[in-house]
Amino acid sequence: MRRLFILGIVLLPAWLFAGRAEAAQRIAIIFGNSEYQNAPRLPNPVNDASDVAAAFERLAFSVRLLKNATFDTMRRGLLDFAQQAEAADIAVVYFAGHGMEIRDENWLVPVDAELRMDISANQEAVGLSSIMPIVSKARKLGLIILDACRDNPFSRQLRASRPGRALPARGLLPVEPPGSVLVVFAAKHGTTAADGTARNSPFTTALLHNLEIPGLEINYLFRSIHDEVYGVTQQRQEPYVYGTLSREPVYLKPPADPTAQTGPAPNSEAARAWAEIKDTNDPDVLNTFISRFGDSFYADVARARLTRLPAPQIGKTTPAASLPQQDKAVSSSSPTDSERKTSDDGVVGQWSWRAQCPVFGNFEGTVRFSQAAGDKLTGVISDDSGDWNIFDGRVRDGSISFRRKVVGGATQHWTGSLERPKAANSQFRGSITDSRFAIGTCSWKAVKG
């Protein structure tokens, strides 16, 4: 018994150390600065930080939350965080508050900063360039999220150390992170982010909507956040991601273990597609998604969405759970004759398309066109790579035009004309241009059904 007791004492520190090491695999430090002493108060950052910290805790991160942090509190917090980052797989820094550019550097502003001279920034604020090396120590991903792109709150009192040196009034500078580090701005460099009037800012609201989606790879996560913020702010605010990662997928919430669940295995393609369409109320888009990913968790969410749509959108006599998954669903949401104006009935429905590109090869997929009113064209398109997108465009007298965002943020411009609109074998023919390529176009053809 005495030997067992001694053995327990010897092994106890190892057990404790192992527990700490396991907890440190995913770490996050969260700052929310609202109560500025020498600058305008911001209503949301403390709320934003509290809610983001709770989300990361649910994602099994070891989280430290610092509210209304002074310069010394931020500095000490980051020093401790740097020591933990060396043993982490993923290290995350989130900051909500005032951020600004001074002397060609981006600074995160503590609540006690005075900033009367530009040369005092490194004694009163935390430079973004000092945080990137910290998170870069993580083995898999270093992530910095800044909801801090606002107007310069110190513009009236901040003086330049050299006469004639201009002081920027808004936004942050673009950055070039080291390998395996992503830096996410709530608004693109040189522009500002809204604080919002609700509990959370528009950017953090979108972050919270997407952060805990299982199986959503990190690049698709921020693409989804970008699109949500861009839409909610009427294209006034565009989040931006700096840095690139290797081809290895990174998940903040991984797909469920297929061996541990009783239902069908999760489908990461379904997760990516759902991230693209998750805010839609178009029954055609939802039915198209269900027909493609009918055995996934997200298809159940889409079916539930259909049941909540107003009766005029899903039909008065057809139960939502048994809605058809092909072209019959279109009639329930098609516009009236007075709404169609110059649009063509033959466009609406599901089509199979094939593109031929002289240099880059052939591609194919499906596209479903629907219409809201007038000559407005809406729909969802997929290709053989599994990339799904919702789009808006125009249709008039059988001619269509729409733009599609593709992987990497590029834009494709599709144009086409409808042939034999009243015949059973209706076809579209047209061309595609891609912003990634300076020359050359692709031809495409689509057949209905």
Protein backbone atom coordinates (compact mmCIF):
# COMPACT_ATOMS: atom_id res chain seq x y z
CA MET A 1 0.00 0.00 0.00
CA ARG A 2 2.85 2.38 0.88
CA ARG A 3 4.46 1.70 -2.50
CA LEU A 4 1.19 2.50 -4.28
CA PHE A 5 0.88 5.75 -2.29
CA ILE A 6 4.42 6.80 -3.24
CA LEU A 7 3.79 5.86 -6.88
CA GLY A 8 0.66 8.03 -6.84
CA ILE A 9 2.63 11.00 -5.55
CA VAL A 10 5.26 10.53 -8.26
CA LEU A 11 2.71 10.24 -11.06
CA LEU A 12 0.35 13.00 -9.87
CA PRO A 13 2.37 15.90 -11.35
CA ALA A 14 2.54 14.04 -14.66
CA TRP A 15 -1.23 13.61 -14.67
CA LEU A 16 -1.75 17.28 -13.89
CA PHE A 17 0.73 18.33 -16.57
CA ALA A 18 -0.96 16.05 -19.12
CA GLY A 19 -4.32 17.66 -18.31
CA ARG A 20 -2.91 21.14 -18.77
CA ALA A 21 -1.23 20.16 -22.04
CA GLU A 22 -4.47 18.69 -23.40
CA ALA A 23 -6.43 21.83 -22.43
CA ALA A 24 -3.80 23.99 -24.10
CA GLN A 25 -4.22 22.35 -27.52
CA ARG A 26 -6.78 25.04 -28.50
CA ILE A 27 -6.42 28.39 -26.78
CA ALA A 28 -7.99 31.82 -27.18
CA ILE A 29 -7.57 35.22 -25.58
CA ILE A 30 -10.54 37.56 -26.02
CA PHE A 31 -10.46 41.34 -25.54
CA GLY A 32 -13.51 43.58 -25.38
CA ASN A 33 -12.84 47.30 -24.81
CA SER A 34 -15.85 49.59 -24.42
CA GLU A 35 -15.19 52.04 -21.56
CA TYR A 36 -12.52 54.28 -23.09
CA GLN A 37 -11.25 57.01 -20.79
CA ASN A 38 -9.98 59.41 -23.46
CA ALA A 39 -12.00 58.39 -26.52
CA PRO A 40 -15.68 57.80 -27.37
CA ARG A 41 -17.28 54.87 -25.58
CA LEU A 42 -18.21 51.89 -27.72
CA PRO A 43 -21.42 50.13 -26.63
CA ASN A 44 -20.88 46.65 -28.08
CA PRO A 45 -17.29 45.37 -27.66
CA VAL A 46 -17.78 43.97 -24.14
CA ASN A 47 -20.93 42.18 -25.32
CA ASP A 48 -19.13 40.98 -28.43
CA ALA A 49 -16.16 39.67 -26.47
CA SER A 50 -18.33 37.94 -23.85
CA ASP A 51 -20.40 36.14 -26.48
CA VAL A 52 -17.37 35.16 -28.58
CA ALA A 53 -15.59 33.85 -25.46
CA ALA A 54 -18.61 31.71 -24.61
CA ALA A 55 -18.69 30.34 -28.17
CA PHE A 56 -15.01 29.38 -28.08
CA GLU A 57 -15.50 27.71 -24.72
CA ARG A 58 -18.27 25.60 -26.26
CA LEU A 59 -15.75 24.71 -28.98
CA ALA A 60 -13.47 23.25 -26.27
CA PHE A 61 -10.96 26.12 -26.30
CA SER A 62 -9.15 27.21 -23.17
CA VAL A 63 -10.34 30.84 -23.07
CA ARG A 64 -9.20 33.94 -21.22
CA LEU A 65 -11.61 36.89 -21.40
CA LEU A 66 -10.37 40.42 -20.65
CA LYS A 67 -12.93 43.23 -20.54
CA ASN A 68 -12.01 46.93 -20.69
CA ALA A 69 -8.33 46.09 -20.59
CA THR A 70 -5.69 48.71 -19.88
CA PHE A 71 -2.34 48.73 -21.66
CA ASP A 72 -0.70 46.81 -18.83
CA THR A 73 -3.54 44.24 -18.71
CA MET A 74 -3.34 43.64 -22.46
CA ARG A 75 0.45 43.38 -22.38
CA ARG A 76 0.50 40.89 -19.49
CA GLY A 77 -2.32 38.86 -20.99
CA LEU A 78 -0.47 38.51 -24.29
CA LEU A 79 2.78 37.58 -22.51
CA ASP A 80 1.03 34.70 -20.75
CA PHE A 81 -0.72 33.74 -23.97
CA ALA A 82 2.60 33.61 -25.85
CA GLN A 83 3.91 30.96 -23.46
CA GLN A 84 0.81 28.80 -23.98
CA ALA A 85 0.84 29.22 -27.78
CA GLU A 86 4.01 27.15 -28.12
CA ALA A 87 2.09 24.06 -26.96
CA ALA A 88 -1.12 24.81 -28.89
CA ASP A 89 -2.50 23.45 -32.12
CA ILE A 90 -4.72 26.51 -32.62
CA ALA A 91 -4.16 29.92 -31.01
CA VAL A 92 -6.81 32.64 -31.39
CA VAL A 93 -6.71 36.34 -30.50
CA TYR A 94 -10.01 38.25 -30.76
CA PHE A 95 -10.18 42.00 -30.17
CA ALA A 96 -13.25 44.26 -30.20
CA GLY A 97 -12.67 47.94 -29.58
CA HIS A 98 -10.86 50.91 -31.09
CA GLY A 99 -8.15 50.08 -33.61
CA MET A 100 -6.19 52.51 -35.76
CA GLU A 101 -3.19 53.05 -38.00
CA ILE A 102 -0.31 55.19 -36.75
CA ARG A 103 3.07 55.54 -38.47
CA ASP A 104 2.41 52.69 -40.90
CA GLU A 105 1.43 50.24 -38.17
CA ASN A 106 -1.91 48.92 -36.90
CA TRP A 107 -2.61 49.40 -33.20
CA LEU A 108 -5.16 47.91 -30.81
CA VAL A 109 -6.13 50.58 -28.33
CA PRO A 110 -6.43 49.89 -24.55
CA VAL A 111 -9.06 51.78 -22.57
CA ASP A 112 -6.48 53.99 -20.79
CA ALA A 113 -4.64 55.21 -23.92
CA GLU A 114 -4.24 59.00 -24.37
CA LEU A 115 -2.31 59.03 -27.68
CA ARG A 116 -1.40 62.70 -27.92
CA MET A 117 1.72 62.03 -30.05
CA ASP A 118 2.10 59.45 -32.78
CA ILE A 119 5.47 58.33 -31.41
CA SER A 120 3.83 57.32 -28.11
CA ALA A 121 1.79 54.54 -29.72
CA ASN A 122 4.22 51.77 -28.73
CA GLN A 123 4.03 52.89 -25.07
CA GLU A 124 0.22 53.15 -25.01
CA ALA A 125 -1.18 50.64 -27.52
CA VAL A 126 -0.57 47.09 -28.71
CA GLY A 127 0.81 46.67 -32.21
CA LEU A 128 -0.72 44.05 -34.46
CA SER A 129 2.79 43.21 -35.68
CA SER A 130 3.66 42.08 -32.14
CA ILE A 131 0.68 39.68 -31.98
CA MET A 132 1.27 37.84 -35.27
CA PRO A 133 4.52 36.18 -34.08
CA ILE A 134 2.73 35.01 -30.94
CA VAL A 135 -0.04 33.13 -32.73
CA SER A 136 2.42 31.85 -35.36
CA LYS A 137 3.87 29.57 -32.68
CA ALA A 138 0.76 27.39 -32.82
CA ARG A 139 1.36 24.14 -34.66
CA LYS A 140 -1.67 24.23 -36.94
CA LEU A 141 -3.32 27.68 -37.04
CA GLY A 142 -2.78 31.14 -35.64
CA LEU A 143 -5.91 33.26 -35.95
CA ILE A 144 -6.36 36.97 -35.19
CA ILE A 145 -9.87 38.43 -35.45
CA LEU A 146 -10.22 42.22 -35.24
CA ASP A 147 -13.60 43.89 -34.91
CA ALA A 148 -11.73 47.16 -34.59
CA CYS A 149 -11.80 48.97 -37.94
CA ARG A 150 -13.37 52.28 -36.94
CA ASP A 151 -12.72 55.98 -37.41
CA ASN A 152 -9.66 57.35 -35.62
CA PRO A 153 -11.07 58.36 -32.20
CA PHE A 154 -7.98 60.43 -31.36
CA SER A 155 -7.85 62.49 -34.55
CA ARG A 156 -8.50 65.81 -32.75
CA GLN A 157 -5.74 65.42 -30.18
CA LEU A 158 -3.16 63.19 -31.89
CA ARG A 159 -0.21 65.17 -33.23
CA ALA A 160 2.44 63.99 -35.65
CA SER A 161 6.04 64.01 -34.49
CA ARG A 162 7.16 65.42 -37.84
CA PRO A 163 5.49 68.47 -39.39
CA GLY A 164 3.58 67.66 -42.54
CA ARG A 165 3.15 63.96 -41.72
CA ALA A 166 -0.43 62.94 -42.43
CA LEU A 167 -2.36 60.97 -39.83
CA PRO A 168 -4.92 58.54 -41.24
CA ALA A 169 -8.51 59.13 -40.19
CA ARG A 170 -10.03 55.71 -40.80
CA GLY A 171 -9.47 51.99 -41.06
CA LEU A 172 -6.41 49.79 -40.82
CA LEU A 173 -3.51 48.94 -43.10
CA PRO A 174 -3.36 45.65 -45.02
CA VAL A 175 -1.04 43.06 -43.48
CA GLU A 176 1.03 40.10 -44.63
CA PRO A 177 0.89 37.40 -41.94
CA PRO A 178 3.51 34.64 -41.70
CA GLY A 179 2.69 31.07 -42.70
CA SER A 180 -0.26 29.32 -40.99
CA VAL A 181 -1.59 32.65 -39.68
CA LEU A 182 -4.84 34.29 -40.73
CA VAL A 183 -5.73 37.87 -39.80
CA VAL A 184 -9.39 38.80 -40.20
CA PHE A 185 -10.53 42.43 -40.33
CA ALA A 186 -14.19 43.24 -39.74
CA ALA A 187 -13.82 45.70 -42.63
CA LYS A 188 -11.37 45.81 -45.52
CA HIS A 189 -8.21 47.92 -45.07
CA GLY A 190 -8.89 51.64 -45.32
CA THR A 191 -12.59 51.25 -44.52
CA THR A 192 -14.57 51.23 -41.30
CA ALA A 193 -16.76 48.71 -39.49
CA ALA A 194 -20.11 49.50 -37.90
CA ASP A 195 -20.55 49.05 -34.16
CA GLY A 196 -24.24 48.27 -34.67
CA THR A 197 -27.36 49.06 -32.69
CA ALA A 198 -28.13 45.55 -31.40
CA ARG A 199 -26.25 43.58 -28.74
CA ASN A 200 -23.47 42.67 -31.17
CA SER A 201 -21.81 44.39 -34.09
CA PRO A 202 -22.76 43.18 -37.60
CA PHE A 203 -19.40 41.42 -37.96
CA THR A 204 -19.52 39.64 -34.60
CA THR A 205 -23.17 38.73 -35.19
CA ALA A 206 -22.12 36.94 -38.39
CA LEU A 207 -19.14 35.37 -36.61
CA LEU A 208 -21.43 33.95 -33.93
CA HIS A 209 -23.88 32.67 -36.55
CA ASN A 210 -21.17 30.62 -38.27
CA LEU A 211 -18.54 29.82 -35.67
CA GLU A 212 -20.19 26.66 -34.31
CA ILE A 213 -21.36 25.09 -37.55
CA PRO A 214 -19.90 21.56 -37.52
CA GLY A 215 -17.70 20.57 -40.42
CA LEU A 216 -17.32 24.12 -41.77
CA GLU A 217 -13.70 24.46 -42.89
CA ILE A 218 -11.97 27.69 -41.80
CA ASN A 219 -11.85 29.24 -45.28
CA TYR A 220 -15.54 28.59 -45.88
CA LEU A 221 -16.30 29.91 -42.39
CA PHE A 222 -14.93 33.35 -43.21
CA ARG A 223 -16.37 33.34 -46.71
CA SER A 224 -19.79 32.81 -45.17
CA ILE A 225 -19.16 35.60 -42.64
CA HIS A 226 -18.04 37.90 -45.47
CA ASP A 227 -21.22 37.33 -47.45
CA GLU A 228 -23.48 37.79 -44.42
CA VAL A 229 -21.90 41.08 -43.33
CA TYR A 230 -21.70 42.37 -46.90
CA GLY A 231 -25.41 41.72 -47.36
CA VAL A 232 -26.63 43.00 -43.99
CA THR A 233 -24.74 46.30 -44.38
CA GLN A 234 -25.95 46.83 -47.97
CA GLN A 235 -22.38 46.36 -49.24
CA ARG A 236 -21.01 49.16 -47.05
CA GLN A 237 -18.84 46.84 -44.94
CA GLU A 238 -16.70 44.06 -46.38
CA PRO A 239 -14.76 41.77 -44.02
CA TYR A 240 -11.35 40.78 -45.26
CA VAL A 241 -8.99 37.86 -44.59
CA TYR A 242 -5.22 38.20 -44.89
CA GLY A 243 -2.90 35.20 -45.09
CA THR A 244 -2.99 31.73 -46.63
CA LEU A 245 -2.94 28.21 -45.25
CA SER A 246 -1.78 24.85 -46.52
CA ARG A 247 -4.17 22.43 -48.21
CA GLU A 248 -4.83 20.61 -44.91
CA PRO A 249 -8.40 21.44 -43.78
CA VAL A 250 -8.82 23.27 -40.48
CA TYR A 251 -12.03 23.10 -38.45
CA LEU A 252 -12.95 25.10 -35.36
CA LYS A 253 -15.81 22.63 -34.92
CA PRO A 254 -14.85 19.40 -36.70
CA PRO A 255 -17.38 17.09 -38.33
CA ALA A 256 -18.85 14.58 -35.92
CA ASP A 257 -17.09 11.23 -35.67
CA PRO A 258 -18.96 8.96 -38.12
CA THR A 259 -18.37 5.94 -35.85
CA ALA A 260 -19.93 7.70 -32.87
CA GLN A 261 -23.26 8.71 -34.39
CA THR A 262 -26.39 6.75 -35.14
CA GLY A 263 -27.52 8.71 -38.19
CA PRO A 264 -25.83 9.15 -41.56
CA ALA A 265 -22.26 10.37 -41.66
CA PRO A 266 -21.89 14.15 -41.88
CA ASN A 267 -21.23 15.59 -45.32
CA SER A 268 -18.64 18.38 -45.40
CA GLU A 269 -19.79 19.31 -48.90
CA ALA A 270 -23.31 19.73 -47.48
CA ALA A 271 -21.90 21.95 -44.72
CA ARG A 272 -20.16 24.17 -47.25
CA ALA A 273 -23.25 24.36 -49.45
CA TRP A 274 -25.48 25.16 -46.47
CA ALA A 275 -23.12 27.96 -45.45
CA GLU A 276 -23.78 29.52 -48.86
CA ILE A 277 -27.60 29.34 -48.68
CA LYS A 278 -28.38 29.30 -44.96
CA ASP A 279 -30.18 32.67 -44.99
CA THR A 280 -32.40 32.00 -47.99
CA ASN A 281 -36.19 31.77 -47.84
CA ASP A 282 -36.51 30.74 -51.48
CA PRO A 283 -38.32 27.36 -51.59
CA ASP A 284 -36.71 26.51 -54.94
CA VAL A 285 -33.23 26.89 -53.47
CA LEU A 286 -34.17 24.89 -50.37
CA ASN A 287 -35.69 22.08 -52.42
CA THR A 288 -32.64 21.95 -54.67
CA PHE A 289 -30.44 21.64 -51.59
CA ILE A 290 -32.64 18.85 -50.18
CA SER A 291 -32.56 16.94 -53.46
CA ARG A 292 -28.73 17.03 -53.43
CA PHE A 293 -28.05 16.49 -49.71
CA GLY A 294 -31.21 14.74 -48.57
CA ASP A 295 -29.49 12.46 -46.04
CA SER A 296 -27.56 15.22 -44.23
CA PHE A 297 -28.27 17.12 -41.04
CA TYR A 298 -28.50 20.33 -43.07
CA ALA A 299 -31.25 18.90 -45.27
CA ASP A 300 -33.33 18.46 -42.11
CA VAL A 301 -32.68 22.13 -41.30
CA ALA A 302 -33.76 23.07 -44.84
CA ARG A 303 -36.96 21.03 -44.48
CA ALA A 304 -37.69 22.76 -41.19
CA ARG A 305 -37.14 26.12 -42.90
CA LEU A 306 -39.69 25.18 -45.56
CA THR A 307 -42.32 24.42 -42.93
CA ARG A 308 -41.93 27.93 -41.49
CA LEU A 309 -42.29 29.80 -44.79
CA PRO A 310 -45.50 31.83 -45.24
CA ALA A 311 -48.29 29.94 -46.99
CA PRO A 312 -48.13 31.94 -50.25
CA GLN A 313 -44.51 30.84 -50.71
CA ILE A 314 -44.96 27.11 -50.21
CA GLY A 315 -48.51 26.66 -51.49
CA LYS A 316 -51.77 26.33 -49.57
CA THR A 317 -52.51 22.69 -50.28
CA THR A 318 -49.09 21.03 -50.35
CA PRO A 319 -47.57 20.00 -46.99
CA ALA A 320 -44.08 21.41 -46.64
CA ALA A 321 -42.60 18.03 -45.68
CA SER A 322 -43.72 16.51 -49.01
CA LEU A 323 -42.78 19.37 -51.29
CA PRO A 324 -41.47 18.09 -54.63
CA GLN A 325 -37.73 18.34 -55.09
CA GLN A 326 -37.71 19.08 -58.80
CA ASP A 327 -39.29 21.64 -61.11
CA LYS A 328 -42.84 21.32 -59.71
CA ALA A 329 -41.76 23.35 -56.72
CA VAL A 330 -41.13 26.33 -58.96
CA SER A 331 -44.77 27.10 -59.63
CA SER A 332 -45.47 27.90 -55.97
CA SER A 333 -43.03 30.80 -55.95
CA SER A 334 -43.21 31.97 -59.57
CA PRO A 335 -44.24 35.62 -60.04
CA THR A 336 -47.63 36.65 -61.34
CA ASP A 337 -48.11 37.80 -64.92
CA SER A 338 -48.04 41.42 -63.81
CA GLU A 339 -44.79 40.85 -61.92
CA ARG A 340 -43.00 39.09 -64.80
CA LYS A 341 -43.14 42.01 -67.20
CA THR A 342 -40.44 41.18 -69.77
CA SER A 343 -39.03 37.99 -68.19
CA ASP A 344 -39.48 34.64 -69.91
CA ASP A 345 -41.39 31.71 -68.39
CA GLY A 346 -39.05 29.27 -70.11
CA VAL A 347 -36.11 30.31 -67.92
CA VAL A 348 -37.54 29.18 -64.57
CA GLY A 349 -36.58 25.67 -63.53
CA GLN A 350 -33.64 23.33 -63.17
CA TRP A 351 -30.99 22.98 -65.89
CA SER A 352 -27.93 20.82 -66.44
CA TRP A 353 -25.01 22.83 -67.79
CA ARG A 354 -21.62 22.10 -69.32
CA ALA A 355 -18.83 24.62 -69.94
CA GLN A 356 -15.96 24.26 -72.40
CA CYS A 357 -12.82 26.28 -71.78
CA PRO A 358 -10.01 26.14 -74.38
CA VAL A 359 -7.25 26.37 -71.78
CA PHE A 360 -8.72 25.08 -68.52
CA GLY A 361 -10.83 22.13 -69.67
CA ASN A 362 -14.50 21.24 -69.31
CA PHE A 363 -16.80 21.67 -66.32
CA GLU A 364 -20.41 20.77 -65.59
CA GLY A 365 -23.09 21.06 -62.95
CA THR A 366 -26.67 22.12 -62.32
CA VAL A 367 -28.38 25.47 -62.02
CA ARG A 368 -31.88 26.32 -60.83
CA PHE A 369 -33.34 29.64 -61.96
CA SER A 370 -36.17 31.33 -60.09
CA GLN A 371 -37.57 34.85 -60.24
CA ALA A 372 -38.79 37.32 -57.63
CA ALA A 373 -40.40 40.07 -59.73
CA GLY A 374 -39.91 41.88 -62.99
CA ASP A 375 -36.69 40.97 -64.77
CA LYS A 376 -34.82 40.01 -61.60
CA LEU A 377 -33.24 36.56 -61.79
CA THR A 378 -32.31 34.55 -58.70
CA GLY A 379 -31.08 31.02 -58.29
CA VAL A 380 -28.49 28.56 -57.07
CA ILE A 381 -25.69 26.96 -59.11
CA SER A 382 -23.36 24.03 -58.44
CA ASP A 383 -20.45 22.49 -60.30
CA ASP A 384 -18.57 19.20 -60.26
CA SER A 385 -16.10 20.54 -57.69
CA GLY A 386 -18.88 20.77 -55.10
CA ASP A 387 -18.88 24.59 -55.01
CA TRP A 388 -22.43 25.95 -54.50
CA ASN A 389 -23.51 29.58 -54.83
CA ILE A 390 -26.64 31.69 -54.67
CA PHE A 391 -26.73 34.40 -57.32
CA ASP A 392 -28.76 37.40 -58.47
CA GLY A 393 -28.94 38.55 -62.05
CA ARG A 394 -31.19 39.77 -64.83
CA VAL A 395 -33.42 38.11 -67.41
CA ARG A 396 -35.12 39.82 -70.34
CA ASP A 397 -36.67 38.31 -73.46
CA GLY A 398 -34.87 35.01 -72.90
CA SER A 399 -31.44 36.55 -72.33
CA ILE A 400 -29.79 36.14 -68.91
CA SER A 401 -26.86 37.65 -67.10
CA PHE A 402 -25.59 36.84 -63.61
CA ARG A 403 -22.41 36.88 -61.55
CA ARG A 404 -21.11 33.99 -59.50
CA LYS A 405 -18.49 34.08 -56.74
CA VAL A 406 -16.08 31.12 -56.88
CA VAL A 407 -13.26 29.74 -54.72
CA GLY A 408 -10.62 32.34 -53.86
CA GLY A 409 -13.01 35.30 -54.13
CA ALA A 410 -12.95 35.42 -57.94
CA THR A 411 -16.05 36.41 -59.92
CA GLN A 412 -17.47 34.73 -62.99
CA HIS A 413 -19.80 36.61 -65.32
CA TRP A 414 -22.30 34.35 -67.10
CA THR A 415 -24.38 35.50 -70.08
CA GLY A 416 -26.64 33.43 -72.29
CA SER A 417 -29.68 33.28 -74.56
CA LEU A 418 -32.60 30.88 -74.44
CA GLU A 419 -33.24 28.76 -77.54
CA ARG A 420 -36.66 27.21 -78.25
CA PRO A 421 -38.27 28.43 -74.98
CA LYS A 422 -41.57 26.62 -75.63
CA ALA A 423 -40.06 23.32 -76.74
CA ALA A 424 -39.39 20.36 -74.49
CA ASN A 425 -35.69 20.44 -75.34
CA SER A 426 -35.08 24.09 -74.38
CA GLN A 427 -31.43 25.10 -74.32
CA PHE A 428 -29.27 27.97 -73.15
CA ARG A 429 -26.06 28.94 -74.90
CA GLY A 430 -23.66 31.63 -73.78
CA SER A 431 -20.22 32.60 -72.51
CA ILE A 432 -18.38 32.88 -69.19
CA THR A 433 -15.62 35.29 -68.21
CA ASP A 434 -13.56 34.79 -65.05
CA SER A 435 -11.79 37.58 -63.12
CA ARG A 436 -8.84 35.25 -62.44
CA PHE A 437 -7.87 35.11 -66.09
CA ALA A 438 -6.97 38.15 -68.16
CA ILE A 439 -7.79 36.61 -71.55
CA GLY A 440 -10.11 34.02 -72.96
CA THR A 441 -13.73 33.06 -72.36
CA CYS A 442 -15.54 29.78 -71.86
CA SER A 443 -18.63 28.72 -73.76
CA TRP A 444 -21.49 27.05 -71.94
CA LYS A 445 -24.62 25.17 -72.81
CA ALA A 446 -27.54 24.19 -70.56
CA VAL A 447 -30.41 21.77 -71.09
CA LYS A 448 -33.59 22.00 -69.05
CA GLY A 449 -34.60 19.14 -66.82
